[in-house]
Amino acid sequence: MRSAVFIARRQTPAGIVYKATVFGASGIGYCGAHAGDTAEEAALFALREMRRYALTNPAGGDLVAPPDVLAHIPRKLRTVAGRVTP
């Protein structure tokens, strides 16, 4: 099972915040974590979680986020290909 990092943009009375849902190869992860108050903070959070979950998963992983967050992440870092085992 591929890993996934989802970033959601939420409007709150205090302003816009970004929340994360992350799961790994075994389906274990977390939901609703604070990813940041700005798109830049959310992008850094997403990249850290992609490194943590997708790079360690033989099947790879994907990032799903709003366009304002994706604007800060190079296209080649949004998907981690799975490793081919002989």
PDB file of N, CA and C in Angstrom:
ATOM      1  N   MET A   1       0.836  -1.171   0.000  1.00  0.00           N
ATOM      2  CA  MET A   1       0.000   0.000   0.000  1.00  0.00           C
ATOM      3  C   MET A   1       0.887   1.242   0.000  1.00  0.00           C
ATOM      4  N   ARG A   2       0.593   2.186  -0.893  1.00  0.00           N
ATOM      5  CA  ARG A   2       1.372   3.416  -0.976  1.00  0.00           C
ATOM      6  C   ARG A   2       1.061   4.340   0.193  1.00  0.00           C
ATOM      7  N   SER A   3       2.054   5.083   0.601  1.00  0.00           N
ATOM      8  CA  SER A   3       1.856   6.093   1.644  1.00  0.00           C
ATOM      9  C   SER A   3       1.169   7.308   1.031  1.00  0.00           C
ATOM     10  N   ALA A   4       0.519   8.095   1.873  1.00  0.00           N
ATOM     11  CA  ALA A   4      -0.135   9.310   1.384  1.00  0.00           C
ATOM     12  C   ALA A   4      -0.065  10.408   2.436  1.00  0.00           C
ATOM     13  N   VAL A   5       0.126  11.618   1.947  1.00  0.00           N
ATOM     14  CA  VAL A   5       0.106  12.810   2.796  1.00  0.00           C
ATOM     15  C   VAL A   5      -0.950  13.732   2.200  1.00  0.00           C
ATOM     16  N   PHE A   6      -1.978  14.025   2.969  1.00  0.00           N
ATOM     17  CA  PHE A   6      -3.048  14.922   2.546  1.00  0.00           C
ATOM     18  C   PHE A   6      -2.965  16.200   3.374  1.00  0.00           C
ATOM     19  N   ILE A   7      -2.967  17.340   2.708  1.00  0.00           N
ATOM     20  CA  ILE A   7      -3.001  18.623   3.388  1.00  0.00           C
ATOM     21  C   ILE A   7      -4.317  19.293   3.007  1.00  0.00           C
ATOM     22  N   ALA A   8      -5.061  19.764   4.019  1.00  0.00           N
ATOM     23  CA  ALA A   8      -6.343  20.426   3.780  1.00  0.00           C
ATOM     24  C   ALA A   8      -6.278  21.851   4.309  1.00  0.00           C
ATOM     25  N   ARG A   9      -6.893  22.743   3.584  1.00  0.00           N
ATOM     26  CA  ARG A   9      -6.969  24.153   3.998  1.00  0.00           C
ATOM     27  C   ARG A   9      -8.313  24.366   4.679  1.00  0.00           C
ATOM     28  N   ARG A  10      -8.300  24.879   5.897  1.00  0.00           N
ATOM     29  CA  ARG A  10      -9.523  25.071   6.678  1.00  0.00           C
ATOM     30  C   ARG A  10      -9.670  26.534   7.093  1.00  0.00           C
ATOM     31  N   GLN A  11     -10.894  27.032   6.985  1.00  0.00           N
ATOM     32  CA  GLN A  11     -11.207  28.384   7.450  1.00  0.00           C
ATOM     33  C   GLN A  11     -11.716  28.283   8.885  1.00  0.00           C
ATOM     34  N   THR A  12     -11.084  29.013   9.794  1.00  0.00           N
ATOM     35  CA  THR A  12     -11.498  29.044  11.193  1.00  0.00           C
ATOM     36  C   THR A  12     -11.807  30.492  11.562  1.00  0.00           C
ATOM     37  N   PRO A  13     -12.432  30.720  12.699  1.00  0.00           N
ATOM     38  CA  PRO A  13     -12.673  32.104  13.118  1.00  0.00           C
ATOM     39  C   PRO A  13     -11.377  32.921  13.242  1.00  0.00           C
ATOM     40  N   ALA A  14     -10.274  32.256  13.537  1.00  0.00           N
ATOM     41  CA  ALA A  14      -8.992  32.941  13.671  1.00  0.00           C
ATOM     42  C   ALA A  14      -8.298  33.161  12.325  1.00  0.00           C
ATOM     43  N   GLY A  15      -8.794  32.548  11.264  1.00  0.00           N
ATOM     44  CA  GLY A  15      -8.179  32.674   9.941  1.00  0.00           C
ATOM     45  C   GLY A  15      -8.007  31.315   9.286  1.00  0.00           C
ATOM     46  N   ILE A  16      -7.157  31.260   8.293  1.00  0.00           N
ATOM     47  CA  ILE A  16      -6.919  30.015   7.549  1.00  0.00           C
ATOM     48  C   ILE A  16      -5.817  29.215   8.235  1.00  0.00           C
ATOM     49  N   VAL A  17      -6.053  27.912   8.392  1.00  0.00           N
ATOM     50  CA  VAL A  17      -5.042  26.989   8.901  1.00  0.00           C
ATOM     51  C   VAL A  17      -4.986  25.784   7.976  1.00  0.00           C
ATOM     52  N   TYR A  18      -3.917  25.046   8.059  1.00  0.00           N
ATOM     53  CA  TYR A  18      -3.724  23.848   7.249  1.00  0.00           C
ATOM     54  C   TYR A  18      -3.628  22.651   8.173  1.00  0.00           C
ATOM     55  N   LYS A  19      -4.364  21.589   7.829  1.00  0.00           N
ATOM     56  CA  LYS A  19      -4.396  20.359   8.616  1.00  0.00           C
ATOM     57  C   LYS A  19      -3.876  19.211   7.760  1.00  0.00           C
ATOM     58  N   ALA A  20      -3.328  18.198   8.416  1.00  0.00           N
ATOM     59  CA  ALA A  20      -2.735  17.072   7.689  1.00  0.00           C
ATOM     60  C   ALA A  20      -3.346  15.748   8.108  1.00  0.00           C
ATOM     61  N   THR A  21      -3.451  14.861   7.134  1.00  0.00           N
ATOM     62  CA  THR A  21      -3.783  13.463   7.362  1.00  0.00           C
ATOM     63  C   THR A  21      -2.691  12.663   6.665  1.00  0.00           C
ATOM     64  N   VAL A  22      -2.077  11.753   7.394  1.00  0.00           N
ATOM     65  CA  VAL A  22      -0.933  10.999   6.872  1.00  0.00           C
ATOM     66  C   VAL A  22      -1.110   9.534   7.205  1.00  0.00           C
ATOM     67  N   PHE A  23      -0.808   8.655   6.229  1.00  0.00           N
ATOM     68  CA  PHE A  23      -0.755   7.232   6.549  1.00  0.00           C
ATOM     69  C   PHE A  23       0.347   6.566   5.758  1.00  0.00           C
ATOM     70  N   GLY A  24       0.849   5.481   6.329  1.00  0.00           N
ATOM     71  CA  GLY A  24       1.983   4.787   5.735  1.00  0.00           C
ATOM     72  C   GLY A  24       1.604   3.448   5.140  1.00  0.00           C
ATOM     73  N   ALA A  25       2.603   2.607   4.962  1.00  0.00           N
ATOM     74  CA  ALA A  25       2.444   1.331   4.276  1.00  0.00           C
ATOM     75  C   ALA A  25       1.426   0.412   4.943  1.00  0.00           C
ATOM     76  N   SER A  26       1.389   0.421   6.263  1.00  0.00           N
ATOM     77  CA  SER A  26       0.474  -0.480   6.973  1.00  0.00           C
ATOM     78  C   SER A  26      -0.884   0.156   7.224  1.00  0.00           C
ATOM     79  N   GLY A  27      -1.081   1.377   6.718  1.00  0.00           N
ATOM     80  CA  GLY A  27      -2.333   2.074   6.945  1.00  0.00           C
ATOM     81  C   GLY A  27      -2.368   2.837   8.250  1.00  0.00           C
ATOM     82  N   ILE A  28      -1.266   2.785   8.990  1.00  0.00           N
ATOM     83  CA  ILE A  28      -1.193   3.485  10.268  1.00  0.00           C
ATOM     84  C   ILE A  28      -0.651   4.890  10.035  1.00  0.00           C
ATOM     85  N   GLY A  29      -1.258   5.852  10.679  1.00  0.00           N
ATOM     86  CA  GLY A  29      -0.832   7.234  10.552  1.00  0.00           C
ATOM     87  C   GLY A  29      -1.608   8.092  11.521  1.00  0.00           C
ATOM     88  N   TYR A  30      -1.946   9.283  11.096  1.00  0.00           N
ATOM     89  CA  TYR A  30      -2.708  10.175  11.968  1.00  0.00           C
ATOM     90  C   TYR A  30      -3.553  11.115  11.128  1.00  0.00           C
ATOM     91  N   CYS A  31      -4.497  11.774  11.795  1.00  0.00           N
ATOM     92  CA  CYS A  31      -5.454  12.641  11.114  1.00  0.00           C
ATOM     93  C   CYS A  31      -5.647  13.922  11.914  1.00  0.00           C
ATOM     94  N   GLY A  32      -5.737  15.052  11.220  1.00  0.00           N
ATOM     95  CA  GLY A  32      -6.061  16.312  11.860  1.00  0.00           C
ATOM     96  C   GLY A  32      -4.915  17.057  12.502  1.00  0.00           C
ATOM     97  N   ALA A  33      -3.685  16.694  12.200  1.00  0.00           N
ATOM     98  CA  ALA A  33      -2.533  17.389  12.785  1.00  0.00           C
ATOM     99  C   ALA A  33      -2.407  18.787  12.186  1.00  0.00           C
ATOM    100  N   HIS A  34      -1.957  19.719  12.983  1.00  0.00           N
ATOM    101  CA  HIS A  34      -1.750  21.090  12.520  1.00  0.00           C
ATOM    102  C   HIS A  34      -0.518  21.111  11.616  1.00  0.00           C
ATOM    103  N   ALA A  35      -0.713  21.468  10.342  1.00  0.00           N
ATOM    104  CA  ALA A  35       0.395  21.494   9.390  1.00  0.00           C
ATOM    105  C   ALA A  35       0.994  22.884   9.231  1.00  0.00           C
ATOM    106  N   GLY A  36       0.303  23.910   9.703  1.00  0.00           N
ATOM    107  CA  GLY A  36       0.846  25.261   9.626  1.00  0.00           C
ATOM    108  C   GLY A  36      -0.239  26.309   9.486  1.00  0.00           C
ATOM    109  N   ASP A  37       0.182  27.563   9.646  1.00  0.00           N
ATOM    110  CA  ASP A  37      -0.734  28.692   9.499  1.00  0.00           C
ATOM    111  C   ASP A  37      -0.615  29.355   8.135  1.00  0.00           C
ATOM    112  N   THR A  38       0.439  29.025   7.398  1.00  0.00           N
ATOM    113  CA  THR A  38       0.647  29.584   6.061  1.00  0.00           C
ATOM    114  C   THR A  38       0.892  28.437   5.082  1.00  0.00           C
ATOM    115  N   ALA A  39       0.773  28.749   3.801  1.00  0.00           N
ATOM    116  CA  ALA A  39       1.014  27.728   2.769  1.00  0.00           C
ATOM    117  C   ALA A  39       2.464  27.254   2.804  1.00  0.00           C
ATOM    118  N   GLU A  40       3.386  28.162   3.117  1.00  0.00           N
ATOM    119  CA  GLU A  40       4.799  27.792   3.188  1.00  0.00           C
ATOM    120  C   GLU A  40       5.053  26.805   4.328  1.00  0.00           C
ATOM    121  N   GLU A  41       4.468  27.066   5.496  1.00  0.00           N
ATOM    122  CA  GLU A  41       4.623  26.145   6.631  1.00  0.00           C
ATOM    123  C   GLU A  41       4.028  24.785   6.302  1.00  0.00           C
ATOM    124  N   ALA A  42       2.877  24.777   5.655  1.00  0.00           N
ATOM    125  CA  ALA A  42       2.225  23.515   5.285  1.00  0.00           C
ATOM    126  C   ALA A  42       3.066  22.743   4.272  1.00  0.00           C
ATOM    127  N   ALA A  43       3.707  23.451   3.345  1.00  0.00           N
ATOM    128  CA  ALA A  43       4.564  22.793   2.354  1.00  0.00           C
ATOM    129  C   ALA A  43       5.768  22.135   3.028  1.00  0.00           C
ATOM    130  N   LEU A  44       6.395  22.832   3.970  1.00  0.00           N
ATOM    131  CA  LEU A  44       7.521  22.239   4.694  1.00  0.00           C
ATOM    132  C   LEU A  44       7.076  21.027   5.507  1.00  0.00           C
ATOM    133  N   PHE A  45       5.935  21.135   6.151  1.00  0.00           N
ATOM    134  CA  PHE A  45       5.390  20.010   6.915  1.00  0.00           C
ATOM    135  C   PHE A  45       5.152  18.819   5.988  1.00  0.00           C
ATOM    136  N   ALA A  46       4.549  19.070   4.834  1.00  0.00           N
ATOM    137  CA  ALA A  46       4.253  17.998   3.882  1.00  0.00           C
ATOM    138  C   ALA A  46       5.528  17.307   3.399  1.00  0.00           C
ATOM    139  N   LEU A  47       6.564  18.090   3.119  1.00  0.00           N
ATOM    140  CA  LEU A  47       7.822  17.495   2.653  1.00  0.00           C
ATOM    141  C   LEU A  47       8.477  16.647   3.738  1.00  0.00           C
ATOM    142  N   ARG A  48       8.416  17.103   4.989  1.00  0.00           N
ATOM    143  CA  ARG A  48       8.970  16.293   6.087  1.00  0.00           C
ATOM    144  C   ARG A  48       8.216  14.969   6.209  1.00  0.00           C
ATOM    145  N   GLU A  49       6.908  15.021   6.089  1.00  0.00           N
ATOM    146  CA  GLU A  49       6.119  13.796   6.215  1.00  0.00           C
ATOM    147  C   GLU A  49       6.291  12.889   4.996  1.00  0.00           C
ATOM    148  N   MET A  50       6.485  13.454   3.820  1.00  0.00           N
ATOM    149  CA  MET A  50       6.768  12.634   2.634  1.00  0.00           C
ATOM    150  C   MET A  50       8.082  11.893   2.842  1.00  0.00           C
ATOM    151  N   ARG A  51       9.075  12.587   3.394  1.00  0.00           N
ATOM    152  CA  ARG A  51      10.359  11.929   3.667  1.00  0.00           C
ATOM    153  C   ARG A  51      10.171  10.820   4.695  1.00  0.00           C
ATOM    154  N   ARG A  52       9.413  11.105   5.730  1.00  0.00           N
ATOM    155  CA  ARG A  52       9.221  10.151   6.821  1.00  0.00           C
ATOM    156  C   ARG A  52       8.420   8.917   6.389  1.00  0.00           C
ATOM    157  N   TYR A  53       7.365   9.109   5.630  1.00  0.00           N
ATOM    158  CA  TYR A  53       6.463   8.011   5.292  1.00  0.00           C
ATOM    159  C   TYR A  53       6.713   7.430   3.898  1.00  0.00           C
ATOM    160  N   ALA A  54       6.849   8.257   2.871  1.00  0.00           N
ATOM    161  CA  ALA A  54       6.924   7.747   1.500  1.00  0.00           C
ATOM    162  C   ALA A  54       8.294   7.186   1.139  1.00  0.00           C
ATOM    163  N   LEU A  55       9.366   7.838   1.584  1.00  0.00           N
ATOM    164  CA  LEU A  55      10.702   7.351   1.229  1.00  0.00           C
ATOM    165  C   LEU A  55      11.040   6.033   1.911  1.00  0.00           C
ATOM    166  N   THR A  56      10.430   5.765   3.048  1.00  0.00           N
ATOM    167  CA  THR A  56      10.698   4.511   3.750  1.00  0.00           C
ATOM    168  C   THR A  56       9.761   3.388   3.320  1.00  0.00           C
ATOM    169  N   ASN A  57       8.818   3.686   2.449  1.00  0.00           N
ATOM    170  CA  ASN A  57       7.846   2.696   1.991  1.00  0.00           C
ATOM    171  C   ASN A  57       8.298   2.134   0.641  1.00  0.00           C
ATOM    172  N   PRO A  58       8.465   0.834   0.506  1.00  0.00           N
ATOM    173  CA  PRO A  58       8.877   0.262  -0.786  1.00  0.00           C
ATOM    174  C   PRO A  58       7.886   0.557  -1.910  1.00  0.00           C
ATOM    175  N   ALA A  59       6.622   0.809  -1.582  1.00  0.00           N
ATOM    176  CA  ALA A  59       5.618   1.107  -2.607  1.00  0.00           C
ATOM    177  C   ALA A  59       5.611   2.587  -2.984  1.00  0.00           C
ATOM    178  N   GLY A  60       6.313   3.436  -2.230  1.00  0.00           N
ATOM    179  CA  GLY A  60       6.345   4.861  -2.533  1.00  0.00           C
ATOM    180  C   GLY A  60       5.205   5.604  -1.862  1.00  0.00           C
ATOM    181  N   GLY A  61       4.896   6.791  -2.376  1.00  0.00           N
ATOM    182  CA  GLY A  61       3.830   7.570  -1.778  1.00  0.00           C
ATOM    183  C   GLY A  61       3.470   8.798  -2.588  1.00  0.00           C
ATOM    184  N   ASP A  62       2.371   9.450  -2.198  1.00  0.00           N
ATOM    185  CA  ASP A  62       1.848  10.597  -2.926  1.00  0.00           C
ATOM    186  C   ASP A  62       1.464  11.717  -1.972  1.00  0.00           C
ATOM    187  N   LEU A  63       1.509  12.933  -2.485  1.00  0.00           N
ATOM    188  CA  LEU A  63       1.122  14.125  -1.742  1.00  0.00           C
ATOM    189  C   LEU A  63      -0.088  14.745  -2.423  1.00  0.00           C
ATOM    190  N   VAL A  64      -1.112  15.060  -1.638  1.00  0.00           N
ATOM    191  CA  VAL A  64      -2.297  15.750  -2.134  1.00  0.00           C
ATOM    192  C   VAL A  64      -2.456  17.003  -1.277  1.00  0.00           C
ATOM    193  N   ALA A  65      -2.511  18.176  -1.933  1.00  0.00           N
ATOM    194  CA  ALA A  65      -2.587  19.432  -1.195  1.00  0.00           C
ATOM    195  C   ALA A  65      -3.261  20.493  -2.067  1.00  0.00           C
ATOM    196  N   PRO A  66      -3.711  21.584  -1.428  1.00  0.00           N
ATOM    197  CA  PRO A  66      -4.296  22.689  -2.194  1.00  0.00           C
ATOM    198  C   PRO A  66      -3.251  23.344  -3.101  1.00  0.00           C
ATOM    199  N   PRO A  67      -3.697  24.012  -4.159  1.00  0.00           N
ATOM    200  CA  PRO A  67      -2.756  24.637  -5.106  1.00  0.00           C
ATOM    201  C   PRO A  67      -1.791  25.630  -4.451  1.00  0.00           C
ATOM    202  N   ASP A  68      -2.232  26.358  -3.431  1.00  0.00           N
ATOM    203  CA  ASP A  68      -1.328  27.330  -2.813  1.00  0.00           C
ATOM    204  C   ASP A  68      -0.189  26.650  -2.064  1.00  0.00           C
ATOM    205  N   VAL A  69      -0.401  25.439  -1.585  1.00  0.00           N
ATOM    206  CA  VAL A  69       0.672  24.673  -0.943  1.00  0.00           C
ATOM    207  C   VAL A  69       1.555  24.030  -2.009  1.00  0.00           C
ATOM    208  N   LEU A  70       0.941  23.448  -3.028  1.00  0.00           N
ATOM    209  CA  LEU A  70       1.709  22.790  -4.095  1.00  0.00           C
ATOM    210  C   LEU A  70       2.606  23.778  -4.841  1.00  0.00           C
ATOM    211  N   ALA A  71       2.250  25.050  -4.839  1.00  0.00           N
ATOM    212  CA  ALA A  71       3.074  26.058  -5.514  1.00  0.00           C
ATOM    213  C   ALA A  71       4.470  26.154  -4.897  1.00  0.00           C
ATOM    214  N   HIS A  72       4.631  25.712  -3.663  1.00  0.00           N
ATOM    215  CA  HIS A  72       5.918  25.773  -2.972  1.00  0.00           C
ATOM    216  C   HIS A  72       6.690  24.444  -3.022  1.00  0.00           C
ATOM    217  N   ILE A  73       6.127  23.446  -3.681  1.00  0.00           N
ATOM    218  CA  ILE A  73       6.739  22.120  -3.719  1.00  0.00           C
ATOM    219  C   ILE A  73       7.033  21.743  -5.170  1.00  0.00           C
ATOM    220  N   PRO A  74       8.282  21.465  -5.513  1.00  0.00           N
ATOM    221  CA  PRO A  74       8.595  21.039  -6.883  1.00  0.00           C
ATOM    222  C   PRO A  74       7.808  19.783  -7.267  1.00  0.00           C
ATOM    223  N   ARG A  75       7.408  19.730  -8.518  1.00  0.00           N
ATOM    224  CA  ARG A  75       6.585  18.621  -9.005  1.00  0.00           C
ATOM    225  C   ARG A  75       7.236  17.260  -8.743  1.00  0.00           C
ATOM    226  N   LYS A  76       8.551  17.164  -8.875  1.00  0.00           N
ATOM    227  CA  LYS A  76       9.217  15.868  -8.707  1.00  0.00           C
ATOM    228  C   LYS A  76       9.196  15.367  -7.261  1.00  0.00           C
ATOM    229  N   LEU A  77       8.886  16.247  -6.289  1.00  0.00           N
ATOM    230  CA  LEU A  77       8.833  15.835  -4.888  1.00  0.00           C
ATOM    231  C   LEU A  77       7.420  15.487  -4.426  1.00  0.00           C
ATOM    232  N   ARG A  78       6.438  15.621  -5.299  1.00  0.00           N
ATOM    233  CA  ARG A  78       5.044  15.361  -4.922  1.00  0.00           C
ATOM    234  C   ARG A  78       4.691  13.881  -4.963  1.00  0.00           C
ATOM    235  N   THR A  79       5.472  13.096  -5.681  1.00  0.00           N
ATOM    236  CA  THR A  79       5.255  11.651  -5.783  1.00  0.00           C
ATOM    237  C   THR A  79       6.593  10.936  -5.619  1.00  0.00           C
ATOM    238  N   VAL A  80       6.590   9.896  -4.800  1.00  0.00           N
ATOM    239  CA  VAL A  80       7.781   9.077  -4.633  1.00  0.00           C
ATOM    240  C   VAL A  80       7.486   7.723  -5.265  1.00  0.00           C
ATOM    241  N   ALA A  81       8.276   7.369  -6.273  1.00  0.00           N
ATOM    242  CA  ALA A  81       8.068   6.104  -6.968  1.00  0.00           C
ATOM    243  C   ALA A  81       8.426   4.933  -6.055  1.00  0.00           C
ATOM    244  N   GLY A  82       7.753   3.833  -6.271  1.00  0.00           N
ATOM    245  CA  GLY A  82       8.071   2.621  -5.535  1.00  0.00           C
ATOM    246  C   GLY A  82       9.385   2.023  -5.999  1.00  0.00           C
ATOM    247  N   ARG A  83      10.017   1.292  -5.123  1.00  0.00           N
ATOM    248  CA  ARG A  83      11.272   0.625  -5.482  1.00  0.00           C
ATOM    249  C   ARG A  83      10.954  -0.736  -6.093  1.00  0.00           C
ATOM    250  N   VAL A  84      11.652  -1.051  -7.142  1.00  0.00           N
ATOM    251  CA  VAL A  84      11.484  -2.331  -7.806  1.00  0.00           C
ATOM    252  C   VAL A  84      12.369  -3.353  -7.102  1.00  0.00           C
ATOM    253  N   THR A  85      11.772  -4.444  -6.672  1.00  0.00           N
ATOM    254  CA  THR A  85      12.550  -5.500  -6.027  1.00  0.00           C
ATOM    255  C   THR A  85      12.760  -6.639  -7.022  1.00  0.00           C
ATOM    256  N   PRO A  86      13.977  -7.152  -7.096  1.00  0.00           N
ATOM    257  CA  PRO A  86      14.266  -8.226  -8.062  1.00  0.00           C
ATOM    258  C   PRO A  86      13.612  -9.544  -7.682  1.00  0.00           C
TER     259      PRO A  86
END
